N, C-alpha and C. Protein backbone atom coordinates (compact mmCIF):
# COMPACT_ATOMS: atom_id res chain seq x y z
N UNK A 1 6.57 7.23 13.02
CA UNK A 1 6.89 8.62 12.25
C UNK A 1 6.71 8.23 10.82
N UNK A 2 6.14 9.29 10.29
CA UNK A 2 6.07 9.28 8.89
C UNK A 2 7.03 9.52 8.05
N UNK A 3 7.10 9.00 6.94
CA UNK A 3 8.56 9.01 6.02
C UNK A 3 8.82 10.36 5.53
N UNK A 4 7.65 11.36 5.76
CA UNK A 4 7.72 12.59 5.28
C UNK A 4 7.09 13.41 6.45
N UNK A 5 7.49 14.78 6.28
CA UNK A 5 7.03 15.72 7.46
C UNK A 5 5.53 16.38 6.87
N UNK A 6 4.44 15.75 7.61
CA UNK A 6 3.22 16.09 7.21
C UNK A 6 2.70 17.27 7.74
N UNK A 7 3.47 17.87 9.02
CA UNK A 7 2.89 18.97 9.58
C UNK A 7 1.67 19.00 10.22
N UNK A 8 1.16 17.72 10.62
CA UNK A 8 0.03 17.64 11.47
C UNK A 8 0.07 16.27 12.42
N UNK A 9 -0.75 16.07 13.36
CA UNK A 9 -0.75 14.93 14.01
C UNK A 9 -2.02 13.66 13.88
N UNK A 10 -2.58 14.26 12.84
CA UNK A 10 -4.07 13.15 12.64
C UNK A 10 -3.33 11.93 12.08
N UNK A 11 -4.05 10.70 12.71
CA UNK A 11 -3.98 9.37 12.49
C UNK A 11 -4.19 9.31 11.15
N UNK A 12 -3.41 8.15 10.76
CA UNK A 12 -3.59 7.44 9.47
C UNK A 12 -3.79 8.09 8.15
N UNK A 13 -5.00 7.78 7.40
CA UNK A 13 -5.19 8.58 6.37
C UNK A 13 -5.41 10.02 6.44
N UNK A 14 -6.21 10.35 7.50
CA UNK A 14 -6.66 11.56 7.95
C UNK A 14 -5.23 12.63 8.03
N UNK A 15 -4.23 12.24 8.43
CA UNK A 15 -2.84 12.94 8.43
C UNK A 15 -2.60 13.17 7.06
N UNK A 16 -2.66 12.06 5.95
CA UNK A 16 -2.08 12.17 4.70
C UNK A 16 -3.18 13.16 3.93
N UNK A 17 -4.30 13.17 4.44
CA UNK A 17 -5.27 14.08 3.62
C UNK A 17 -5.09 15.51 3.95
N UNK A 18 -4.70 15.62 5.17
CA UNK A 18 -4.42 17.14 5.68
C UNK A 18 -3.02 17.58 4.97
N UNK A 19 -2.15 16.93 4.86
CA UNK A 19 -1.03 17.24 4.32
C UNK A 19 -1.42 17.39 2.86
N UNK A 20 -2.22 16.77 1.92
CA UNK A 20 -2.20 16.82 0.48
C UNK A 20 -3.88 16.94 0.42
N UNK A 21 -4.47 18.01 0.69
CA UNK A 21 -5.92 18.17 0.66
C UNK A 21 -6.53 17.89 -0.57
N UNK A 22 -5.76 18.19 -1.60
CA UNK A 22 -6.18 18.05 -3.28
C UNK A 22 -6.40 16.55 -3.49
N UNK A 23 -5.77 15.52 -2.88
CA UNK A 23 -6.18 14.22 -3.05
C UNK A 23 -7.32 13.69 -2.04
N UNK A 24 -7.77 14.59 -0.94
CA UNK A 24 -8.58 14.19 -0.02
C UNK A 24 -9.96 13.98 -0.55
N UNK A 25 -10.45 14.96 -1.19
CA UNK A 25 -11.83 15.09 -1.86
C UNK A 25 -12.16 13.75 -2.71
N UNK A 26 -11.37 13.64 -3.66
CA UNK A 26 -11.79 12.50 -4.50
C UNK A 26 -11.67 10.90 -3.83
N UNK A 27 -10.64 11.07 -3.13
CA UNK A 27 -10.58 9.65 -2.30
C UNK A 27 -11.55 9.56 -1.19
N UNK A 28 -11.85 10.48 -0.59
CA UNK A 28 -12.92 10.37 0.41
C UNK A 28 -14.49 10.14 -0.42
N UNK A 29 -14.80 10.71 -1.54
CA UNK A 29 -15.90 10.88 -2.45
C UNK A 29 -15.92 9.23 -2.73
N UNK A 30 -14.79 8.63 -3.25
CA UNK A 30 -15.07 7.31 -3.57
C UNK A 30 -15.31 6.38 -2.31
N UNK A 31 -14.49 6.62 -1.18
CA UNK A 31 -15.01 5.78 0.00
C UNK A 31 -16.41 5.98 0.55
N UNK A 32 -17.04 7.22 0.21
CA UNK A 32 -18.27 7.60 0.59
C UNK A 32 -19.21 6.77 -0.30
N UNK A 33 -19.18 6.62 -1.57
CA UNK A 33 -20.13 5.81 -2.53
C UNK A 33 -19.72 4.47 -2.08
N UNK A 34 -18.63 3.84 -2.02
CA UNK A 34 -18.34 2.69 -2.03
C UNK A 34 -18.95 2.04 -0.57
N UNK A 35 -18.80 2.53 0.42
CA UNK A 35 -19.13 2.43 1.82
C UNK A 35 -20.18 2.72 2.50
N UNK A 36 -20.75 3.68 1.80
CA UNK A 36 -21.94 4.53 2.74
C UNK A 36 -23.16 4.61 1.66
N UNK A 37 -22.93 4.64 0.17
CA UNK A 37 -23.85 5.03 -0.77
C UNK A 37 -25.12 3.86 -0.87
N UNK A 38 -25.77 4.17 -1.59
CA UNK A 38 -27.04 3.13 -1.83
C UNK A 38 -26.61 1.73 -2.25
N UNK A 39 -26.90 0.90 -1.52
CA UNK A 39 -26.52 -0.49 -1.88
C UNK A 39 -27.44 -1.47 -1.29
N UNK A 40 -27.47 -2.83 -1.95
CA UNK A 40 -28.10 -4.03 -1.52
C UNK A 40 -27.05 -4.47 0.01
N UNK A 41 -26.13 -4.28 -0.32
CA UNK A 41 -24.98 -4.54 0.78
C UNK A 41 -25.07 -3.58 1.84
N UNK A 42 -25.32 -3.89 3.03
CA UNK A 42 -25.22 -3.16 4.29
C UNK A 42 -23.83 -2.40 4.59
N UNK A 43 -24.03 -1.12 5.01
CA UNK A 43 -22.74 -0.66 5.19
C UNK A 43 -21.88 -1.40 6.23
N UNK A 44 -22.32 -1.76 7.07
CA UNK A 44 -21.52 -2.80 7.70
C UNK A 44 -20.86 -3.97 7.26
N UNK A 45 -21.66 -4.61 6.03
CA UNK A 45 -20.77 -5.64 5.31
C UNK A 45 -19.90 -5.03 4.31
N UNK A 46 -20.18 -3.74 3.97
CA UNK A 46 -19.11 -3.07 3.10
C UNK A 46 -17.81 -2.78 3.68
N UNK A 47 -17.87 -2.30 4.87
CA UNK A 47 -16.92 -2.07 5.81
C UNK A 47 -16.11 -3.35 6.08
N UNK A 48 -16.84 -4.49 6.44
CA UNK A 48 -16.17 -5.71 6.61
C UNK A 48 -15.30 -6.14 5.62
N UNK A 49 -15.88 -5.97 4.33
CA UNK A 49 -14.89 -6.20 2.96
C UNK A 49 -13.59 -5.17 3.42
N UNK A 50 -13.83 -3.84 3.28
CA UNK A 50 -12.55 -3.09 3.56
C UNK A 50 -11.66 -3.68 4.78
N UNK A 51 -12.25 -4.08 5.81
CA UNK A 51 -11.38 -4.34 6.71
C UNK A 51 -10.58 -5.95 6.70
N UNK A 52 -11.42 -6.71 5.74
CA UNK A 52 -10.91 -8.01 5.38
C UNK A 52 -9.54 -7.73 4.63
N UNK A 53 -9.86 -7.03 3.57
CA UNK A 53 -8.69 -6.88 2.64
C UNK A 53 -7.45 -5.99 3.34
N UNK A 54 -7.88 -5.02 4.38
CA UNK A 54 -6.92 -4.55 4.89
C UNK A 54 -6.08 -5.15 5.83
N UNK A 55 -6.87 -6.34 6.45
CA UNK A 55 -6.12 -7.38 7.15
C UNK A 55 -5.20 -8.30 6.46
N UNK A 56 -5.58 -8.50 5.28
CA UNK A 56 -4.69 -9.46 4.29
C UNK A 56 -3.52 -8.44 3.80
N UNK A 57 -3.85 -7.23 3.81
CA UNK A 57 -2.59 -6.32 3.42
C UNK A 57 -1.47 -5.95 4.55
N UNK A 58 -2.08 -6.60 5.86
CA UNK A 58 -1.34 -6.22 6.97
C UNK A 58 -1.16 -4.63 7.27
N UNK A 59 -2.28 -3.87 6.81
CA UNK A 59 -2.45 -2.50 7.13
C UNK A 59 -3.00 -2.50 8.52
N UNK A 60 -2.30 -2.16 9.57
CA UNK A 60 -3.09 -2.19 10.87
C UNK A 60 -3.98 -0.81 11.17
N UNK A 61 -3.40 0.51 10.59
CA UNK A 61 -4.43 1.56 10.69
C UNK A 61 -5.77 1.27 9.97
N UNK A 62 -5.68 0.95 8.86
CA UNK A 62 -6.97 0.71 7.84
C UNK A 62 -7.73 -0.71 8.55
N UNK A 63 -6.93 -1.70 8.90
CA UNK A 63 -7.98 -3.00 9.50
C UNK A 63 -8.49 -2.51 10.86
N UNK A 64 -7.80 -1.68 11.61
CA UNK A 64 -8.26 -1.31 12.85
C UNK A 64 -9.57 -0.23 13.00
N UNK A 65 -9.34 0.74 11.86
CA UNK A 65 -10.35 1.72 11.67
C UNK A 65 -11.74 1.06 11.05
N UNK A 66 -11.39 0.26 9.89
CA UNK A 66 -12.69 -0.28 9.24
C UNK A 66 -13.19 -1.54 10.02
N UNK A 67 -12.35 -2.10 10.96
CA UNK A 67 -13.09 -3.28 11.45
C UNK A 67 -13.90 -2.45 12.63
N UNK A 68 -13.47 -1.42 13.33
CA UNK A 68 -14.37 -0.55 14.21
C UNK A 68 -15.46 -0.21 13.63
N UNK A 69 -15.37 0.36 12.41
CA UNK A 69 -16.63 1.10 11.56
C UNK A 69 -17.59 -0.25 11.18
N UNK A 70 -17.03 -1.51 10.95
CA UNK A 70 -17.95 -2.49 10.41
C UNK A 70 -18.78 -2.94 11.81
N UNK A 71 -17.91 -3.17 12.91
CA UNK A 71 -18.61 -3.42 14.20
C UNK A 71 -19.68 -2.57 14.55
N UNK A 72 -19.52 -1.30 14.35
CA UNK A 72 -20.45 -0.34 14.83
C UNK A 72 -21.88 -0.42 13.91
N UNK A 73 -21.58 -0.95 12.78
CA UNK A 73 -22.77 -1.06 11.69
C UNK A 73 -23.24 -2.45 11.47
N UNK A 74 -22.75 -3.52 11.88
CA UNK A 74 -23.14 -4.78 11.87
C UNK A 74 -24.09 -5.06 12.83
N UNK A 75 -24.91 -5.87 12.52
CA UNK A 75 -26.05 -6.41 13.71
C UNK A 75 -25.51 -6.80 14.87
N UNK A 76 -26.08 -6.51 15.90
CA UNK A 76 -25.68 -7.01 17.10
C UNK A 76 -25.62 -8.41 17.19
N UNK A 77 -24.56 -9.02 18.03
CA UNK A 77 -24.39 -10.35 18.11
C UNK A 77 -23.50 -11.04 16.97
N UNK A 78 -23.04 -10.26 16.11
CA UNK A 78 -22.14 -10.55 14.94
C UNK A 78 -20.62 -10.79 15.58
N UNK A 79 -19.99 -11.62 15.08
CA UNK A 79 -18.88 -12.09 15.63
C UNK A 79 -17.96 -10.80 15.44
N UNK A 80 -16.89 -10.81 16.37
CA UNK A 80 -15.71 -9.57 16.29
C UNK A 80 -15.40 -9.61 14.86
N UNK A 81 -15.16 -8.56 14.19
CA UNK A 81 -14.59 -8.61 12.82
C UNK A 81 -13.30 -9.37 12.82
N UNK A 82 -12.31 -9.25 13.66
CA UNK A 82 -11.02 -9.79 13.85
C UNK A 82 -11.21 -11.32 13.44
N UNK A 83 -12.39 -11.72 14.04
CA UNK A 83 -12.41 -13.40 14.01
C UNK A 83 -12.85 -13.64 12.72
N UNK A 84 -13.88 -12.93 11.98
CA UNK A 84 -14.58 -13.26 10.64
C UNK A 84 -13.31 -13.17 9.69
N UNK A 85 -12.40 -11.93 9.69
CA UNK A 85 -11.34 -11.89 8.78
C UNK A 85 -10.27 -12.93 8.97
N UNK A 86 -10.15 -13.34 10.27
CA UNK A 86 -9.08 -14.34 10.34
C UNK A 86 -9.48 -15.77 9.54
N UNK A 87 -10.91 -16.12 9.48
CA UNK A 87 -11.20 -17.13 9.03
C UNK A 87 -13.01 -17.08 8.59
N UNK A 88 -12.99 -16.41 7.27
CA UNK A 88 -14.40 -16.09 7.02
C UNK A 88 -15.18 -17.46 6.43
N UNK A 89 -14.33 -18.42 5.89
CA UNK A 89 -15.12 -19.67 5.62
C UNK A 89 -15.92 -20.25 6.75
N UNK A 90 -15.16 -20.15 7.85
CA UNK A 90 -16.08 -20.70 9.47
C UNK A 90 -16.81 -19.82 10.10
N UNK A 91 -16.77 -18.44 9.34
CA UNK A 91 -17.59 -17.40 10.31
C UNK A 91 -18.93 -17.45 10.15
N UNK A 92 -19.80 -16.93 11.35
CA UNK A 92 -21.30 -16.99 11.22
C UNK A 92 -21.62 -15.77 10.56
N UNK A 93 -21.53 -15.71 9.21
CA UNK A 93 -22.00 -14.68 8.27
C UNK A 93 -22.63 -15.31 7.17
N UNK A 94 -23.32 -14.60 6.32
CA UNK A 94 -24.03 -15.31 5.19
C UNK A 94 -23.03 -15.83 4.28
N UNK A 95 -23.68 -16.75 3.50
CA UNK A 95 -22.87 -17.62 2.48
C UNK A 95 -22.50 -16.41 1.31
N UNK A 96 -23.37 -15.46 1.18
CA UNK A 96 -23.00 -14.56 0.05
C UNK A 96 -21.87 -13.75 0.65
N UNK A 97 -21.77 -13.37 1.81
CA UNK A 97 -20.81 -12.40 2.56
C UNK A 97 -19.44 -13.57 2.28
N UNK A 98 -19.57 -14.69 2.62
CA UNK A 98 -18.30 -15.54 2.45
C UNK A 98 -17.77 -15.53 0.96
N UNK A 99 -18.67 -15.51 0.19
CA UNK A 99 -18.30 -15.74 -1.35
C UNK A 99 -17.81 -14.17 -1.77
N UNK A 100 -18.37 -13.29 -1.37
CA UNK A 100 -17.79 -11.92 -1.68
C UNK A 100 -16.31 -11.62 -1.15
N UNK A 101 -16.25 -12.16 0.26
CA UNK A 101 -14.92 -11.98 1.04
C UNK A 101 -13.86 -12.97 0.17
N UNK A 102 -14.13 -13.96 -0.40
CA UNK A 102 -13.58 -14.89 -1.08
C UNK A 102 -12.92 -14.14 -2.40
N UNK A 103 -13.90 -13.72 -3.28
CA UNK A 103 -13.45 -12.54 -4.45
C UNK A 103 -12.68 -11.48 -3.91
N UNK A 104 -12.96 -10.80 -2.69
CA UNK A 104 -12.22 -9.75 -2.18
C UNK A 104 -10.52 -10.04 -1.95
N UNK A 105 -10.63 -11.33 -1.28
CA UNK A 105 -9.26 -11.76 -1.04
C UNK A 105 -8.24 -12.23 -2.38
N UNK A 106 -9.14 -12.77 -3.33
CA UNK A 106 -8.39 -12.87 -4.62
C UNK A 106 -8.15 -11.62 -5.25
N UNK A 107 -8.84 -10.50 -5.28
CA UNK A 107 -8.56 -9.19 -5.58
C UNK A 107 -7.12 -8.48 -5.07
N UNK A 108 -7.17 -9.10 -3.78
CA UNK A 108 -6.23 -8.32 -2.89
C UNK A 108 -4.70 -9.03 -3.28
N UNK A 109 -4.85 -10.15 -3.81
CA UNK A 109 -3.64 -10.98 -4.38
C UNK A 109 -3.24 -10.24 -5.70
N UNK A 110 -4.34 -10.33 -6.73
CA UNK A 110 -4.20 -9.54 -7.95
C UNK A 110 -5.59 -9.77 -8.53
N UNK A 111 -5.89 -8.78 -9.39
CA UNK A 111 -7.32 -8.75 -10.02
C UNK A 111 -7.29 -9.93 -10.75
N UNK A 112 -6.18 -10.66 -11.45
CA UNK A 112 -6.36 -11.39 -12.36
C UNK A 112 -6.30 -12.87 -11.60
N UNK A 113 -6.50 -13.01 -10.24
CA UNK A 113 -6.68 -14.21 -9.70
C UNK A 113 -8.27 -14.50 -9.32
N UNK A 114 -9.14 -13.52 -9.57
CA UNK A 114 -10.67 -13.76 -9.58
C UNK A 114 -11.02 -14.71 -10.69
N UNK A 115 -11.76 -15.78 -10.13
CA UNK A 115 -12.07 -16.66 -11.24
C UNK A 115 -13.49 -16.72 -11.53
N UNK A 116 -13.93 -17.42 -12.77
CA UNK A 116 -15.12 -17.57 -13.05
C UNK A 116 -15.97 -18.45 -11.85
N UNK A 117 -15.33 -19.35 -11.57
CA UNK A 117 -15.88 -20.07 -10.47
C UNK A 117 -16.21 -19.34 -9.14
N UNK A 118 -15.43 -18.47 -8.81
CA UNK A 118 -15.78 -17.37 -7.70
C UNK A 118 -16.95 -16.62 -8.09
N UNK A 119 -17.00 -16.16 -9.09
CA UNK A 119 -18.24 -15.37 -9.44
C UNK A 119 -19.48 -16.09 -9.47
N UNK A 120 -19.14 -17.35 -10.16
CA UNK A 120 -20.55 -18.16 -10.34
C UNK A 120 -20.83 -18.53 -8.72
N UNK A 121 -19.97 -18.78 -7.87
CA UNK A 121 -20.51 -19.29 -6.51
C UNK A 121 -21.09 -18.19 -5.66
N UNK A 122 -20.45 -16.87 -6.15
CA UNK A 122 -21.16 -15.89 -5.31
C UNK A 122 -22.57 -15.59 -5.77
N UNK A 123 -22.78 -15.70 -7.22
CA UNK A 123 -24.18 -15.71 -7.83
C UNK A 123 -24.93 -16.78 -7.27
N UNK A 124 -24.43 -17.86 -7.08
CA UNK A 124 -25.43 -18.93 -6.80
C UNK A 124 -25.93 -18.77 -5.20
N UNK A 125 -25.24 -17.91 -4.53
CA UNK A 125 -25.82 -17.66 -3.10
C UNK A 125 -26.35 -16.43 -3.16
N UNK A 126 -26.69 -15.88 -4.11
CA UNK A 126 -27.50 -14.58 -4.10
C UNK A 126 -26.93 -13.27 -4.57
N UNK A 127 -25.46 -13.37 -4.64
CA UNK A 127 -24.93 -12.18 -4.95
C UNK A 127 -25.21 -11.42 -6.24
N UNK A 128 -25.65 -10.24 -6.48
CA UNK A 128 -26.02 -9.64 -7.58
C UNK A 128 -24.65 -9.10 -8.24
N UNK A 129 -24.65 -8.79 -9.63
CA UNK A 129 -23.64 -8.32 -10.28
C UNK A 129 -22.89 -7.12 -9.86
N UNK A 130 -24.09 -6.14 -9.15
CA UNK A 130 -23.49 -4.80 -8.58
C UNK A 130 -22.80 -5.12 -7.34
N UNK A 131 -23.19 -6.03 -6.65
CA UNK A 131 -22.57 -6.42 -5.17
C UNK A 131 -21.43 -7.00 -5.64
N UNK A 132 -21.05 -7.90 -6.63
CA UNK A 132 -19.82 -8.56 -7.21
C UNK A 132 -18.90 -7.41 -7.63
N UNK A 133 -19.42 -6.50 -8.35
CA UNK A 133 -18.76 -5.28 -8.74
C UNK A 133 -18.20 -4.63 -7.66
N UNK A 134 -19.05 -4.11 -6.76
CA UNK A 134 -18.74 -3.30 -5.60
C UNK A 134 -17.66 -3.87 -4.75
N UNK A 135 -17.87 -5.21 -4.57
CA UNK A 135 -16.89 -6.08 -3.60
C UNK A 135 -15.49 -5.96 -4.10
N UNK A 136 -15.39 -6.12 -5.51
CA UNK A 136 -14.17 -6.13 -6.30
C UNK A 136 -13.44 -4.63 -6.26
N UNK A 137 -14.52 -3.51 -6.41
CA UNK A 137 -14.04 -2.40 -6.36
C UNK A 137 -13.42 -1.72 -4.95
N UNK A 138 -14.10 -2.17 -3.92
CA UNK A 138 -13.78 -1.84 -2.44
C UNK A 138 -12.24 -2.56 -2.17
N UNK A 139 -12.28 -3.84 -2.64
CA UNK A 139 -11.12 -4.54 -2.38
C UNK A 139 -9.95 -3.91 -3.09
N UNK A 140 -10.23 -3.54 -4.58
CA UNK A 140 -9.01 -2.82 -5.01
C UNK A 140 -8.74 -1.50 -4.61
N UNK A 141 -9.81 -0.61 -4.38
CA UNK A 141 -9.68 0.65 -3.49
C UNK A 141 -8.74 0.33 -2.26
N UNK A 142 -9.08 -0.67 -1.54
CA UNK A 142 -8.32 -0.54 -0.17
C UNK A 142 -7.01 -1.28 -0.35
N UNK A 143 -6.84 -1.98 -1.55
CA UNK A 143 -5.41 -2.08 -1.45
C UNK A 143 -4.58 -0.84 -1.81
N UNK A 144 -5.20 0.22 -2.61
CA UNK A 144 -4.70 1.59 -2.75
C UNK A 144 -4.51 2.30 -1.54
N UNK A 145 -5.69 2.38 -0.81
CA UNK A 145 -5.65 3.09 0.51
C UNK A 145 -4.58 2.49 1.41
N UNK A 146 -4.45 0.99 1.61
CA UNK A 146 -3.66 0.29 2.44
C UNK A 146 -2.05 0.82 1.98
N UNK A 147 -2.03 0.87 0.92
CA UNK A 147 -0.43 1.20 0.38
C UNK A 147 -0.13 2.43 0.74
N UNK A 148 -1.30 3.42 0.51
CA UNK A 148 -0.97 4.82 0.82
C UNK A 148 -0.52 4.93 2.08
N UNK A 149 -1.34 4.53 3.14
CA UNK A 149 -0.97 4.79 4.52
C UNK A 149 0.13 4.08 5.06
N UNK A 150 0.61 2.93 4.48
CA UNK A 150 1.61 2.03 4.83
C UNK A 150 2.81 2.73 4.18
N UNK A 151 2.61 2.94 2.80
CA UNK A 151 3.73 3.66 2.18
C UNK A 151 4.33 4.86 2.54
N UNK A 152 3.51 5.50 3.49
CA UNK A 152 4.01 6.95 4.07
C UNK A 152 4.14 6.67 5.56
N UNK A 153 4.08 5.44 6.18
CA UNK A 153 4.23 5.33 7.37
C UNK A 153 3.38 6.21 8.30
N UNK A 154 2.24 6.31 7.74
CA UNK A 154 1.29 7.21 8.61
C UNK A 154 1.18 6.80 10.06
N UNK A 155 0.85 7.62 11.09
CA UNK A 155 0.72 7.60 12.23
C UNK A 155 -0.59 6.72 12.49
N UNK A 156 -0.40 5.56 13.33
CA UNK A 156 -1.40 4.28 13.62
C UNK A 156 -1.39 4.35 15.09
N UNK A 157 -2.67 4.89 15.65
CA UNK A 157 -2.96 4.81 17.14
C UNK A 157 -2.57 3.23 17.66
N UNK A 158 -2.57 3.14 18.87
CA UNK A 158 -2.55 1.75 19.58
C UNK A 158 -3.73 1.50 20.29
N UNK A 159 -4.22 2.52 20.64
CA UNK A 159 -5.52 2.42 21.81
C UNK A 159 -6.72 2.17 21.01
N UNK A 160 -7.30 0.90 21.21
CA UNK A 160 -8.63 0.83 20.47
C UNK A 160 -9.86 1.82 20.57
N UNK A 161 -9.65 2.64 21.83
CA UNK A 161 -10.48 3.57 22.02
C UNK A 161 -10.59 4.62 20.91
N UNK A 162 -9.51 5.02 20.44
CA UNK A 162 -9.33 6.06 19.39
C UNK A 162 -10.04 5.35 17.94
N UNK A 163 -9.98 4.16 17.82
CA UNK A 163 -10.74 3.69 16.57
C UNK A 163 -12.18 3.72 16.76
N UNK A 164 -12.74 3.76 18.26
CA UNK A 164 -14.17 3.65 18.46
C UNK A 164 -14.72 5.15 18.35
N UNK A 165 -13.82 6.17 18.69
CA UNK A 165 -14.22 7.63 18.29
C UNK A 165 -14.39 7.75 16.81
N UNK A 166 -13.20 7.45 16.16
CA UNK A 166 -13.34 7.43 14.72
C UNK A 166 -14.71 6.89 13.92
N UNK A 167 -14.83 5.55 14.51
CA UNK A 167 -16.17 4.79 13.98
C UNK A 167 -17.51 5.71 14.33
N UNK A 168 -17.58 6.21 15.63
CA UNK A 168 -18.75 7.17 15.95
C UNK A 168 -18.96 8.27 14.81
N UNK A 169 -17.75 8.83 14.47
CA UNK A 169 -17.98 10.13 13.46
C UNK A 169 -18.00 9.45 12.11
N UNK A 170 -17.61 8.42 11.55
CA UNK A 170 -17.99 7.92 10.49
C UNK A 170 -19.34 7.51 10.16
N UNK A 171 -19.99 6.80 11.31
CA UNK A 171 -21.45 6.54 11.47
C UNK A 171 -22.27 7.44 11.15
N UNK A 172 -21.95 8.59 12.00
CA UNK A 172 -22.73 9.66 12.06
C UNK A 172 -22.67 10.59 10.96
N UNK A 173 -21.61 10.85 10.43
CA UNK A 173 -21.08 11.80 9.34
C UNK A 173 -20.67 11.46 7.91
N UNK A 174 -20.03 10.44 8.12
CA UNK A 174 -19.51 9.68 6.69
C UNK A 174 -18.26 10.24 6.46
N UNK A 175 -17.76 9.87 5.32
CA UNK A 175 -16.46 10.00 4.96
C UNK A 175 -15.95 11.37 4.37
N UNK A 176 -17.01 12.40 3.98
CA UNK A 176 -16.92 13.60 3.37
C UNK A 176 -16.86 14.78 4.63
N UNK A 177 -16.97 14.27 5.79
CA UNK A 177 -17.16 15.36 6.94
C UNK A 177 -15.53 16.08 7.14
N UNK A 178 -15.82 17.19 7.25
CA UNK A 178 -14.71 18.05 7.64
C UNK A 178 -13.42 17.86 6.93
N UNK A 179 -13.62 17.63 5.52
CA UNK A 179 -12.39 17.43 4.48
C UNK A 179 -11.31 18.83 4.77
N UNK A 180 -10.29 18.47 4.60
CA UNK A 180 -9.35 19.80 4.53
C UNK A 180 -9.62 20.72 3.43
N UNK A 181 -9.24 22.02 3.51
CA UNK A 181 -9.26 22.94 2.49
C UNK A 181 -8.22 22.71 1.56
N UNK A 182 -8.68 22.27 0.12
CA UNK A 182 -7.48 22.10 -0.58
C UNK A 182 -6.42 23.47 -1.30
N UNK A 183 -7.08 24.56 -0.67
CA UNK A 183 -6.34 25.73 -0.72
C UNK A 183 -5.32 26.25 0.18
N UNK A 184 -5.59 25.25 1.31
CA UNK A 184 -4.41 25.63 2.29
C UNK A 184 -3.21 24.79 2.15
């Protein structure tokens, strides 16, 4: 049960966006640019960063949804996102993704914990400055999204099939689909 009366039964951040549509558009636009816009990191890799930060923040809704979004967009045969998030250093992902997840994990703790050594390590395995920038911004944004969802105790479905449906919609139409009307 949400801490405030939302007047809708939409899950997670969707319910919050329907409650306060004025915030939905800018937050959705940010997610669209970060997770689906032109980038040398794949959409699946960027969703993996979002899922990783959400797992570290113990935000069940955001982790479950973005893990489903990542799995729907990562190459077939990629280990389950839950396994990657539990131990990225030993996961069968690129060294570049390991380095970017290390940086994202530092951001999740505090932006000030990102070190020159972490950035140098990411560059050494091929991460560009834009990829480092975007990994940090995705991590920072998901700290905000996670706290928004959990701070208001938004509804979190238990059925994994619900997240599969959400993933299909995000993969097909993105984060700007069917935004609530801010005039309502």
